[in-house]
Amino acid sequence: ENDRSHSFQGEVIEMIEYAYAGRFYGTRSDGNLIIITDERGQIIQYKASKSWLWENLENLRKLPVGAYMDKTCLRVYPTQPKDFR
């Protein structure tokens, strides 16, 4: 309509989820954040499914893709499944 366009790029991320002893484990998406920048890198628009993603943007930028994080966007590590013996 206004001769403008957006391009999106990035690597594919595989999300694995599995069941063990009747419980579900694995990786699941908890939300998303889309940021649109201009040619200078200035943010011109954003959309976040969870407000805490935008509020903690600086912490989020420091994380590698696929890392586990808490709601302050600090890196955490998942707990191991319990031994069901």
Protein backbone atom coordinates (compact mmCIF):
# COMPACT_ATOMS: atom_id res chain seq x y z
CA GLU A 1 0.00 0.00 0.00
CA ASN A 2 2.73 2.50 0.95
CA ASP A 3 5.66 0.81 -0.87
CA ARG A 4 7.25 -0.29 2.42
CA SER A 5 8.21 -3.81 3.36
CA HIS A 6 9.59 -5.88 6.21
CA SER A 7 11.94 -8.80 5.96
CA PHE A 8 12.38 -11.46 8.62
CA GLN A 9 15.38 -13.71 8.90
CA GLY A 10 16.85 -16.14 11.35
CA GLU A 11 17.81 -19.71 11.94
CA VAL A 12 15.25 -22.47 12.40
CA ILE A 13 14.78 -23.46 16.05
CA GLU A 14 13.60 -27.01 16.79
CA MET A 15 11.29 -27.37 19.80
CA ILE A 16 11.29 -30.90 21.22
CA GLU A 17 8.60 -32.12 23.60
CA TYR A 18 8.26 -35.67 24.89
CA ALA A 19 6.34 -37.75 27.42
CA TYR A 20 8.07 -39.82 30.10
CA ALA A 21 6.22 -41.77 32.79
CA GLY A 22 3.00 -39.93 31.99
CA ARG A 23 4.50 -36.43 32.29
CA PHE A 24 5.52 -34.03 29.56
CA TYR A 25 9.05 -32.64 29.27
CA GLY A 26 10.99 -30.67 26.73
CA THR A 27 10.99 -27.23 25.22
CA ARG A 28 7.89 -25.19 24.62
CA SER A 29 7.38 -21.62 23.56
CA ASP A 30 6.08 -19.33 26.29
CA GLY A 31 5.76 -16.21 24.18
CA ASN A 32 7.27 -14.14 21.44
CA LEU A 33 8.71 -10.70 20.85
CA ILE A 34 8.89 -9.00 17.48
CA ILE A 35 10.98 -5.85 17.11
CA ILE A 36 11.05 -3.75 13.96
CA THR A 37 14.04 -1.46 13.49
CA ASP A 38 14.94 1.06 10.83
CA GLU A 39 18.19 1.12 8.85
CA ARG A 40 19.98 2.85 11.75
CA GLY A 41 18.93 0.12 14.20
CA GLN A 42 16.42 2.34 16.01
CA ILE A 43 13.32 0.53 17.26
CA ILE A 44 10.25 1.83 15.46
CA GLN A 45 7.72 -0.78 16.59
CA TYR A 46 7.46 -3.86 18.76
CA LYS A 47 4.89 -6.49 19.70
CA ALA A 48 5.27 -8.77 22.71
CA SER A 49 2.94 -11.60 23.70
CA LYS A 50 4.15 -11.20 27.30
CA SER A 51 4.95 -7.76 28.73
CA TRP A 52 7.97 -9.10 30.67
CA LEU A 53 9.76 -9.87 27.38
CA TRP A 54 9.78 -6.19 26.39
CA GLU A 55 10.45 -4.96 29.92
CA ASN A 56 13.61 -7.09 30.13
CA LEU A 57 14.85 -6.52 26.58
CA GLU A 58 18.46 -5.75 27.60
CA ASN A 59 18.77 -9.05 29.49
CA LEU A 60 17.10 -10.88 26.62
CA ARG A 61 19.62 -9.56 24.09
CA LYS A 62 22.46 -11.12 26.09
CA LEU A 63 21.01 -14.64 25.88
CA PRO A 64 21.87 -17.05 23.10
CA VAL A 65 19.00 -18.37 21.00
CA GLY A 66 17.48 -21.45 22.59
CA ALA A 67 18.62 -20.68 26.15
CA TYR A 68 16.29 -21.30 29.07
CA MET A 69 15.34 -18.15 30.99
CA ASP A 70 13.17 -16.90 33.81
CA LYS A 71 10.69 -14.01 33.67
CA THR A 72 13.48 -11.47 34.17
CA CYS A 73 15.18 -12.87 31.03
CA LEU A 74 18.14 -14.17 33.02
CA ARG A 75 19.57 -17.53 32.04
CA VAL A 76 18.44 -20.56 34.05
CA TYR A 77 18.93 -24.27 33.56
CA PRO A 78 16.11 -26.83 33.46
CA THR A 79 15.73 -29.33 36.26
CA GLN A 80 16.29 -32.97 35.50
CA PRO A 81 13.33 -35.36 35.40
CA LYS A 82 12.73 -37.15 38.70
CA ASP A 83 13.80 -40.78 38.99
CA PHE A 84 10.60 -42.83 38.91
CA ARG A 85 12.01 -46.09 40.26
